[in-house]
Amino acid sequence: MVNRGEFEDPRLVEVYDAETVWGWDDDLFMALLAERDAPRVLDFGCGTGRLAIAMAAAGHEVTAIEPARAALDAARRKPGAEAVHWIAGAVEAVPSRAFEAVLMTNHVAQSFVSDEQWLSTLRVLRRALVAGGRLIFDSRDPEGRPWVAWNPADSRRPVVLPDGDVVDTWMTVDSVKGSTVDVTRHYVFTHSDERRSSTTLRFRSESELRITVEAAGFDVDRLYGGWAREPVGTGDDGELIAVAMARPQGR
């Protein structure tokens, strides 16, 4: 997995956790997971563990993999974390034929910039699943050009940390090359401590996601365009939320 930006810095992980609370996306992922029996679940790119801990609390045997140590350390400190099997690593840490469901949330799919990297990751996740297992993931729809709003005027907001510190945050886009966007998030803490987190994101269209997911050994079951299960291209969320089924090997 590539650079995880804000998840690499313990102070920025604090900002992320203070800002990113349980939301409609988490509700939908839990609902999709509950549609079929999935005793064993992999949360790939689990970040600070909010969803992994919730899945474990719902009775699933959860393995959570994250390459960024600061994020994983924060996850392990949370209430309920003892019920999750945490692994520091990326695709090389994924076991084979060990899960009935794999979730890749929080737009982790956008972190795989090259087609080779994306397809190889999908193939590893296919091998992690038993036949008929499900891959559930999200990515932003490039048709909505979400990066247009990633400017200081539209993205600036304060984040209050548990210690009372107020962090002024905003985003800037450094370059746009087709469907690849270089973006920086800026943080100014109360005592003038300034930090930045830069990353490169790849936005794949609905058709690109379908083609690559199917090439990796899945059948696409559904694609939603929003957290209320809207059709792609409708509503205001601008998402591509995929549910794909692992084909039996050899098909």
C-alpha atoms as a PDB file:
ATOM      1  CA  MET A   1       0.000   0.000   0.000  1.00  0.00           C
ATOM      2  CA  VAL A   2       1.234   3.499  -0.766  1.00  0.00           C
ATOM      3  CA  ASN A   3       1.821   6.488   1.520  1.00  0.00           C
ATOM      4  CA  ARG A   4      -1.092   6.955   3.919  1.00  0.00           C
ATOM      5  CA  GLY A   5      -0.409  10.667   4.477  1.00  0.00           C
ATOM      6  CA  GLU A   6      -2.172  11.868   7.607  1.00  0.00           C
ATOM      7  CA  PHE A   7      -2.080   8.366   9.118  1.00  0.00           C
ATOM      8  CA  GLU A   8       1.719   8.469   9.395  1.00  0.00           C
ATOM      9  CA  ASP A   9       1.869  11.343  11.939  1.00  0.00           C
ATOM     10  CA  PRO A  10       0.497  10.734  15.472  1.00  0.00           C
ATOM     11  CA  ARG A  11      -0.637  14.352  15.830  1.00  0.00           C
ATOM     12  CA  LEU A  12      -2.494  14.254  12.516  1.00  0.00           C
ATOM     13  CA  VAL A  13      -4.061  10.945  13.504  1.00  0.00           C
ATOM     14  CA  GLU A  14      -5.519  12.816  16.493  1.00  0.00           C
ATOM     15  CA  VAL A  15      -7.026  15.353  14.108  1.00  0.00           C
ATOM     16  CA  TYR A  16      -8.457  12.600  11.923  1.00  0.00           C
ATOM     17  CA  ASP A  17     -10.118  10.844  14.857  1.00  0.00           C
ATOM     18  CA  ALA A  18     -11.533  14.074  16.260  1.00  0.00           C
ATOM     19  CA  GLU A  19     -12.984  15.013  12.881  1.00  0.00           C
ATOM     20  CA  THR A  20     -14.097  11.654  11.490  1.00  0.00           C
ATOM     21  CA  VAL A  21     -16.872  10.196  13.597  1.00  0.00           C
ATOM     22  CA  TRP A  22     -19.359   7.430  12.827  1.00  0.00           C
ATOM     23  CA  GLY A  23     -21.430   8.329   9.785  1.00  0.00           C
ATOM     24  CA  TRP A  24     -23.724   7.158   7.026  1.00  0.00           C
ATOM     25  CA  ASP A  25     -20.835   5.420   5.287  1.00  0.00           C
ATOM     26  CA  ASP A  26     -20.207   3.229   8.339  1.00  0.00           C
ATOM     27  CA  ASP A  27     -23.921   2.449   8.591  1.00  0.00           C
ATOM     28  CA  LEU A  28     -24.001   1.303   4.978  1.00  0.00           C
ATOM     29  CA  PHE A  29     -20.882  -0.856   5.276  1.00  0.00           C
ATOM     30  CA  MET A  30     -22.297  -2.574   8.343  1.00  0.00           C
ATOM     31  CA  ALA A  31     -25.622  -3.127   6.574  1.00  0.00           C
ATOM     32  CA  LEU A  32     -23.933  -4.565   3.478  1.00  0.00           C
ATOM     33  CA  LEU A  33     -21.811  -6.848   5.621  1.00  0.00           C
ATOM     34  CA  ALA A  34     -24.912  -8.118   7.430  1.00  0.00           C
ATOM     35  CA  GLU A  35     -26.658  -9.132   4.200  1.00  0.00           C
ATOM     36  CA  ARG A  36     -24.837 -12.483   4.118  1.00  0.00           C
ATOM     37  CA  ASP A  37     -23.108 -14.704   6.631  1.00  0.00           C
ATOM     38  CA  ALA A  38     -19.508 -13.545   7.072  1.00  0.00           C
ATOM     39  CA  PRO A  39     -17.941 -14.955  10.229  1.00  0.00           C
ATOM     40  CA  ARG A  40     -14.416 -13.897   9.155  1.00  0.00           C
ATOM     41  CA  VAL A  41     -13.809 -10.373   7.875  1.00  0.00           C
ATOM     42  CA  LEU A  42     -10.715  -8.513   6.668  1.00  0.00           C
ATOM     43  CA  ASP A  43     -10.594  -4.723   7.047  1.00  0.00           C
ATOM     44  CA  PHE A  44      -7.870  -3.798   4.565  1.00  0.00           C
ATOM     45  CA  GLY A  45      -6.380  -0.354   5.183  1.00  0.00           C
ATOM     46  CA  CYS A  46      -8.254  -0.082   8.471  1.00  0.00           C
ATOM     47  CA  GLY A  47      -6.910   3.353   9.466  1.00  0.00           C
ATOM     48  CA  THR A  48      -7.634   4.077  13.120  1.00  0.00           C
ATOM     49  CA  GLY A  49      -9.960   1.116  13.449  1.00  0.00           C
ATOM     50  CA  ARG A  50     -13.424   2.597  13.940  1.00  0.00           C
ATOM     51  CA  LEU A  51     -15.168   0.178  11.587  1.00  0.00           C
ATOM     52  CA  ALA A  52     -13.024  -2.842  12.481  1.00  0.00           C
ATOM     53  CA  ILE A  53     -13.930  -2.505  16.161  1.00  0.00           C
ATOM     54  CA  ALA A  54     -17.627  -2.121  15.315  1.00  0.00           C
ATOM     55  CA  MET A  55     -17.568  -5.246  13.136  1.00  0.00           C
ATOM     56  CA  ALA A  56     -15.917  -7.216  15.932  1.00  0.00           C
ATOM     57  CA  ALA A  57     -18.537  -5.945  18.398  1.00  0.00           C
ATOM     58  CA  ALA A  58     -21.219  -7.229  16.000  1.00  0.00           C
ATOM     59  CA  GLY A  59     -19.803 -10.738  16.309  1.00  0.00           C
ATOM     60  CA  HIS A  60     -17.418 -11.025  13.361  1.00  0.00           C
ATOM     61  CA  GLU A  61     -13.885 -12.400  13.640  1.00  0.00           C
ATOM     62  CA  VAL A  62     -12.031  -9.340  12.324  1.00  0.00           C
ATOM     63  CA  THR A  63      -8.497  -9.039  10.996  1.00  0.00           C
ATOM     64  CA  ALA A  64      -7.442  -5.429  10.364  1.00  0.00           C
ATOM     65  CA  ILE A  65      -4.390  -4.543   8.273  1.00  0.00           C
ATOM     66  CA  GLU A  66      -2.834  -1.071   8.167  1.00  0.00           C
ATOM     67  CA  PRO A  67       0.654   0.008   6.986  1.00  0.00           C
ATOM     68  CA  ALA A  68       0.747   3.318   8.890  1.00  0.00           C
ATOM     69  CA  ARG A  69       2.059   2.710  12.406  1.00  0.00           C
ATOM     70  CA  ALA A  70       0.612   5.884  13.948  1.00  0.00           C
ATOM     71  CA  ALA A  71      -2.902   4.962  12.819  1.00  0.00           C
ATOM     72  CA  LEU A  72      -2.530   1.370  13.972  1.00  0.00           C
ATOM     73  CA  ASP A  73      -1.230   2.476  17.386  1.00  0.00           C
ATOM     74  CA  ALA A  74      -4.310   4.702  17.780  1.00  0.00           C
ATOM     75  CA  ALA A  75      -6.592   1.829  16.761  1.00  0.00           C
ATOM     76  CA  ARG A  76      -5.067  -0.531  19.313  1.00  0.00           C
ATOM     77  CA  ARG A  77      -5.717   1.963  22.131  1.00  0.00           C
ATOM     78  CA  LYS A  78      -9.462   2.242  21.506  1.00  0.00           C
ATOM     79  CA  PRO A  79     -12.126   0.535  23.628  1.00  0.00           C
ATOM     80  CA  GLY A  80     -12.999  -2.826  22.103  1.00  0.00           C
ATOM     81  CA  ALA A  81      -9.702  -3.088  20.211  1.00  0.00           C
ATOM     82  CA  GLU A  82      -8.782  -6.305  22.004  1.00  0.00           C
ATOM     83  CA  ALA A  83     -11.426  -8.127  19.935  1.00  0.00           C
ATOM     84  CA  VAL A  84      -9.628  -7.338  16.649  1.00  0.00           C
ATOM     85  CA  HIS A  85      -6.526  -9.050  15.257  1.00  0.00           C
ATOM     86  CA  TRP A  86      -4.353  -6.090  14.187  1.00  0.00           C
ATOM     87  CA  ILE A  87      -1.575  -6.494  11.606  1.00  0.00           C
ATOM     88  CA  ALA A  88       0.994  -3.864  10.607  1.00  0.00           C
ATOM     89  CA  GLY A  89       1.527  -4.295   6.888  1.00  0.00           C
ATOM     90  CA  ALA A  90       0.029  -4.112   3.437  1.00  0.00           C
ATOM     91  CA  VAL A  91      -0.771  -6.635   0.689  1.00  0.00           C
ATOM     92  CA  GLU A  92       2.110  -8.884   1.713  1.00  0.00           C
ATOM     93  CA  ALA A  93       0.380  -9.452   5.063  1.00  0.00           C
ATOM     94  CA  VAL A  94      -2.922 -10.686   3.598  1.00  0.00           C
ATOM     95  CA  PRO A  95      -3.537 -14.421   4.182  1.00  0.00           C
ATOM     96  CA  SER A  96      -5.121 -16.601   1.486  1.00  0.00           C
ATOM     97  CA  ARG A  97      -8.618 -18.129   1.554  1.00  0.00           C
ATOM     98  CA  ALA A  98      -9.204 -16.886   5.074  1.00  0.00           C
ATOM     99  CA  PHE A  99     -12.277 -14.622   4.855  1.00  0.00           C
ATOM    100  CA  GLU A 100     -15.908 -14.475   3.785  1.00  0.00           C
ATOM    101  CA  ALA A 101     -15.743 -10.693   3.344  1.00  0.00           C
ATOM    102  CA  VAL A 102     -13.095  -8.049   2.703  1.00  0.00           C
ATOM    103  CA  LEU A 103     -13.847  -4.371   3.299  1.00  0.00           C
ATOM    104  CA  MET A 104     -11.703  -1.551   1.921  1.00  0.00           C
ATOM    105  CA  THR A 105     -13.314   1.689   3.075  1.00  0.00           C
ATOM    106  CA  ASN A 106     -12.524   5.381   3.588  1.00  0.00           C
ATOM    107  CA  HIS A 107     -11.603   5.668  -0.120  1.00  0.00           C
ATOM    108  CA  VAL A 108      -8.474   3.537   0.326  1.00  0.00           C
ATOM    109  CA  ALA A 109      -8.979   2.396  -3.281  1.00  0.00           C
ATOM    110  CA  GLN A 110      -7.918   5.859  -4.468  1.00  0.00           C
ATOM    111  CA  SER A 111      -4.456   5.355  -2.938  1.00  0.00           C
ATOM    112  CA  PHE A 112      -3.480   2.839  -5.620  1.00  0.00           C
ATOM    113  CA  VAL A 113      -2.347   5.149  -8.380  1.00  0.00           C
ATOM    114  CA  SER A 114      -0.997   2.843 -11.076  1.00  0.00           C
ATOM    115  CA  ASP A 115      -3.210   0.302 -12.817  1.00  0.00           C
ATOM    116  CA  GLU A 116      -0.660  -2.429 -12.064  1.00  0.00           C
ATOM    117  CA  GLN A 117      -0.707  -1.645  -8.352  1.00  0.00           C
ATOM    118  CA  TRP A 118      -4.503  -1.532  -8.238  1.00  0.00           C
ATOM    119  CA  LEU A 119      -4.992  -4.782 -10.157  1.00  0.00           C
ATOM    120  CA  SER A 120      -2.356  -6.664  -8.162  1.00  0.00           C
ATOM    121  CA  THR A 121      -4.026  -5.522  -4.923  1.00  0.00           C
ATOM    122  CA  LEU A 122      -7.421  -6.687  -6.137  1.00  0.00           C
ATOM    123  CA  ARG A 123      -5.936 -10.078  -6.997  1.00  0.00           C
ATOM    124  CA  VAL A 124      -4.455 -10.420  -3.524  1.00  0.00           C
ATOM    125  CA  LEU A 125      -7.844  -9.574  -2.003  1.00  0.00           C
ATOM    126  CA  ARG A 126      -9.492 -12.159  -4.260  1.00  0.00           C
ATOM    127  CA  ARG A 127      -7.066 -14.796  -2.974  1.00  0.00           C
ATOM    128  CA  ALA A 128      -7.926 -13.753   0.582  1.00  0.00           C
ATOM    129  CA  LEU A 129     -11.560 -14.726   0.048  1.00  0.00           C
ATOM    130  CA  VAL A 130     -13.259 -18.067  -0.111  1.00  0.00           C
ATOM    131  CA  ALA A 131     -15.318 -18.697  -3.247  1.00  0.00           C
ATOM    132  CA  GLY A 132     -18.457 -16.593  -3.057  1.00  0.00           C
ATOM    133  CA  GLY A 133     -16.882 -14.217  -0.555  1.00  0.00           C
ATOM    134  CA  ARG A 134     -17.486 -10.513  -0.985  1.00  0.00           C
ATOM    135  CA  LEU A 135     -15.304  -7.480  -1.585  1.00  0.00           C
ATOM    136  CA  ILE A 136     -16.943  -4.225  -0.451  1.00  0.00           C
ATOM    137  CA  PHE A 137     -15.221  -0.911  -1.112  1.00  0.00           C
ATOM    138  CA  ASP A 138     -15.739   2.753  -1.933  1.00  0.00           C
ATOM    139  CA  SER A 139     -14.136   5.331  -4.213  1.00  0.00           C
ATOM    140  CA  ARG A 140     -15.208   8.818  -5.260  1.00  0.00           C
ATOM    141  CA  ASP A 141     -16.846   9.179  -8.650  1.00  0.00           C
ATOM    142  CA  PRO A 142     -14.564  11.253 -10.930  1.00  0.00           C
ATOM    143  CA  GLU A 143     -17.645  12.453 -12.816  1.00  0.00           C
ATOM    144  CA  GLY A 144     -18.332  14.729  -9.842  1.00  0.00           C
ATOM    145  CA  ARG A 145     -14.773  16.179  -9.898  1.00  0.00           C
ATOM    146  CA  PRO A 146     -14.563  16.293  -6.071  1.00  0.00           C
ATOM    147  CA  TRP A 147     -11.146  17.955  -6.137  1.00  0.00           C
ATOM    148  CA  VAL A 148     -12.711  21.213  -7.362  1.00  0.00           C
ATOM    149  CA  ALA A 149     -13.871  21.882  -3.797  1.00  0.00           C
ATOM    150  CA  TRP A 150     -10.436  21.113  -2.323  1.00  0.00           C
ATOM    151  CA  ASN A 151      -9.374  24.742  -2.048  1.00  0.00           C
ATOM    152  CA  PRO A 152      -8.840  26.980   1.006  1.00  0.00           C
ATOM    153  CA  ALA A 153     -12.143  28.820   0.581  1.00  0.00           C
ATOM    154  CA  ASP A 154     -14.338  25.712   0.375  1.00  0.00           C
ATOM    155  CA  SER A 155     -12.403  23.228   2.532  1.00  0.00           C
ATOM    156  CA  ARG A 156     -11.265  25.341   5.504  1.00  0.00           C
ATOM    157  CA  ARG A 157     -12.702  24.246   8.850  1.00  0.00           C
ATOM    158  CA  PRO A 158     -11.674  24.066  12.513  1.00  0.00           C
ATOM    159  CA  VAL A 159     -11.208  20.755  14.309  1.00  0.00           C
ATOM    160  CA  VAL A 160     -11.324  20.638  18.120  1.00  0.00           C
ATOM    161  CA  LEU A 161      -9.048  18.011  19.676  1.00  0.00           C
ATOM    162  CA  PRO A 162      -9.809  16.214  22.958  1.00  0.00           C
ATOM    163  CA  ASP A 163      -7.204  18.375  24.754  1.00  0.00           C
ATOM    164  CA  GLY A 164      -9.022  21.541  23.640  1.00  0.00           C
ATOM    165  CA  ASP A 165      -6.533  22.506  20.958  1.00  0.00           C
ATOM    166  CA  VAL A 166      -8.205  23.941  17.860  1.00  0.00           C
ATOM    167  CA  VAL A 167      -6.677  23.017  14.523  1.00  0.00           C
ATOM    168  CA  ASP A 168      -7.354  25.119  11.439  1.00  0.00           C
ATOM    169  CA  THR A 169      -7.356  22.833   8.396  1.00  0.00           C
ATOM    170  CA  TRP A 170      -7.764  23.269   4.662  1.00  0.00           C
ATOM    171  CA  MET A 171      -6.822  21.561   1.405  1.00  0.00           C
ATOM    172  CA  THR A 172      -5.019  22.569  -1.771  1.00  0.00           C
ATOM    173  CA  VAL A 173      -4.708  20.734  -5.064  1.00  0.00           C
ATOM    174  CA  ASP A 174      -1.140  20.722  -6.329  1.00  0.00           C
ATOM    175  CA  SER A 175      -1.789  19.184  -9.748  1.00  0.00           C
ATOM    176  CA  VAL A 176      -4.440  17.413 -11.786  1.00  0.00           C
ATOM    177  CA  LYS A 177      -3.291  15.047 -14.522  1.00  0.00           C
ATOM    178  CA  GLY A 178      -6.286  13.325 -16.021  1.00  0.00           C
ATOM    179  CA  SER A 179      -7.728  11.172 -13.259  1.00  0.00           C
ATOM    180  CA  THR A 180      -4.692  11.547 -10.981  1.00  0.00           C
ATOM    181  CA  VAL A 181      -4.687  14.347  -8.402  1.00  0.00           C
ATOM    182  CA  ASP A 182      -1.903  15.540  -6.082  1.00  0.00           C
ATOM    183  CA  VAL A 183      -3.428  17.058  -2.962  1.00  0.00           C
ATOM    184  CA  THR A 184      -2.092  18.593   0.261  1.00  0.00           C
ATOM    185  CA  ARG A 185      -3.934  19.087   3.511  1.00  0.00           C
ATOM    186  CA  HIS A 186      -2.708  21.900   5.742  1.00  0.00           C
ATOM    187  CA  TYR A 187      -2.942  22.000   9.556  1.00  0.00           C
ATOM    188  CA  VAL A 188      -2.291  24.971  11.835  1.00  0.00           C
ATOM    189  CA  PHE A 189      -2.442  24.171  15.545  1.00  0.00           C
ATOM    190  CA  THR A 190      -3.270  26.644  18.317  1.00  0.00           C
ATOM    191  CA  HIS A 191       0.372  27.298  19.146  1.00  0.00           C
ATOM    192  CA  SER A 192       1.318  27.942  15.499  1.00  0.00           C
ATOM    193  CA  ASP A 193       2.610  24.435  14.885  1.00  0.00           C
ATOM    194  CA  GLU A 194       2.058  23.924  11.153  1.00  0.00           C
ATOM    195  CA  ARG A 195       2.040  20.567   9.401  1.00  0.00           C
ATOM    196  CA  ARG A 196       1.155  19.229   5.973  1.00  0.00           C
ATOM    197  CA  SER A 197       0.047  15.905   4.582  1.00  0.00           C
ATOM    198  CA  SER A 198       0.451  15.325   0.858  1.00  0.00           C
ATOM    199  CA  THR A 199      -0.753  12.413  -1.203  1.00  0.00           C
ATOM    200  CA  THR A 200      -1.538  11.341  -4.762  1.00  0.00           C
ATOM    201  CA  LEU A 201      -4.982   9.955  -5.528  1.00  0.00           C
ATOM    202  CA  ARG A 202      -6.352   8.106  -8.540  1.00  0.00           C
ATOM    203  CA  PHE A 203     -10.034   8.423  -9.424  1.00  0.00           C
ATOM    204  CA  ARG A 204     -11.380   5.530 -11.495  1.00  0.00           C
ATOM    205  CA  SER A 205     -14.680   5.685 -13.340  1.00  0.00           C
ATOM    206  CA  GLU A 206     -17.523   3.226 -12.903  1.00  0.00           C
ATOM    207  CA  SER A 207     -16.480   1.376 -16.047  1.00  0.00           C
ATOM    208  CA  GLU A 208     -12.813   1.257 -14.974  1.00  0.00           C
ATOM    209  CA  LEU A 209     -13.777  -0.185 -11.604  1.00  0.00           C
ATOM    210  CA  ARG A 210     -16.014  -2.794 -13.182  1.00  0.00           C
ATOM    211  CA  ILE A 211     -13.341  -3.872 -15.678  1.00  0.00           C
ATOM    212  CA  THR A 212     -10.513  -4.114 -13.150  1.00  0.00           C
ATOM    213  CA  VAL A 213     -12.578  -5.813 -10.442  1.00  0.00           C
ATOM    214  CA  GLU A 214     -13.812  -8.422 -12.922  1.00  0.00           C
ATOM    215  CA  ALA A 215     -10.281  -8.932 -14.283  1.00  0.00           C
ATOM    216  CA  ALA A 216      -9.138  -9.741 -10.746  1.00  0.00           C
ATOM    217  CA  GLY A 217     -11.574 -12.637 -10.376  1.00  0.00           C
ATOM    218  CA  PHE A 218     -14.779 -11.021  -9.131  1.00  0.00           C
ATOM    219  CA  ASP A 219     -18.302 -10.580 -10.434  1.00  0.00           C
ATOM    220  CA  VAL A 220     -19.638  -7.094  -9.696  1.00  0.00           C
ATOM    221  CA  ASP A 221     -22.906  -7.536  -7.858  1.00  0.00           C
ATOM    222  CA  ARG A 222     -23.834  -3.861  -7.262  1.00  0.00           C
ATOM    223  CA  LEU A 223     -22.524  -0.343  -7.559  1.00  0.00           C
ATOM    224  CA  TYR A 224     -24.152   2.483  -5.620  1.00  0.00           C
ATOM    225  CA  GLY A 225     -23.689   6.214  -6.089  1.00  0.00           C
ATOM    226  CA  GLY A 226     -24.369   7.256  -2.498  1.00  0.00           C
ATOM    227  CA  TRP A 227     -24.724   6.191   1.119  1.00  0.00           C
ATOM    228  CA  ALA A 228     -28.497   5.756   0.792  1.00  0.00           C
ATOM    229  CA  ARG A 229     -27.920   3.243  -2.035  1.00  0.00           C
ATOM    230  CA  GLU A 230     -28.706   5.735  -4.782  1.00  0.00           C
ATOM    231  CA  PRO A 231     -27.918   4.737  -8.382  1.00  0.00           C
ATOM    232  CA  VAL A 232     -24.560   5.867  -9.698  1.00  0.00           C
ATOM    233  CA  GLY A 233     -24.629   9.450 -10.947  1.00  0.00           C
ATOM    234  CA  THR A 234     -27.607  10.506  -8.836  1.00  0.00           C
ATOM    235  CA  GLY A 235     -27.765  12.308  -5.522  1.00  0.00           C
ATOM    236  CA  ASP A 236     -25.123  14.496  -3.932  1.00  0.00           C
ATOM    237  CA  ASP A 237     -22.655  12.010  -2.442  1.00  0.00           C
ATOM    238  CA  GLY A 238     -20.645  11.413  -5.622  1.00  0.00           C
ATOM    239  CA  GLU A 239     -19.552   7.941  -4.570  1.00  0.00           C
ATOM    240  CA  LEU A 240     -18.888   4.606  -6.217  1.00  0.00           C
ATOM    241  CA  ILE A 241     -19.656   1.924  -3.626  1.00  0.00           C
ATOM    242  CA  ALA A 242     -19.015  -1.576  -4.924  1.00  0.00           C
ATOM    243  CA  VAL A 243     -20.089  -5.022  -3.814  1.00  0.00           C
ATOM    244  CA  ALA A 244     -18.328  -7.810  -5.736  1.00  0.00           C
ATOM    245  CA  MET A 245     -18.437 -11.607  -5.406  1.00  0.00           C
ATOM    246  CA  ALA A 246     -15.337 -13.783  -5.618  1.00  0.00           C
ATOM    247  CA  ARG A 247     -15.625 -16.219  -8.520  1.00  0.00           C
ATOM    248  CA  PRO A 248     -14.454 -19.787  -7.951  1.00  0.00           C
ATOM    249  CA  GLN A 249     -10.827 -20.181  -9.011  1.00  0.00           C
ATOM    250  CA  GLY A 250     -10.512 -21.325 -12.607  1.00  0.00           C
ATOM    251  CA  ARG A 251     -13.547 -19.497 -13.964  1.00  0.00           C
END
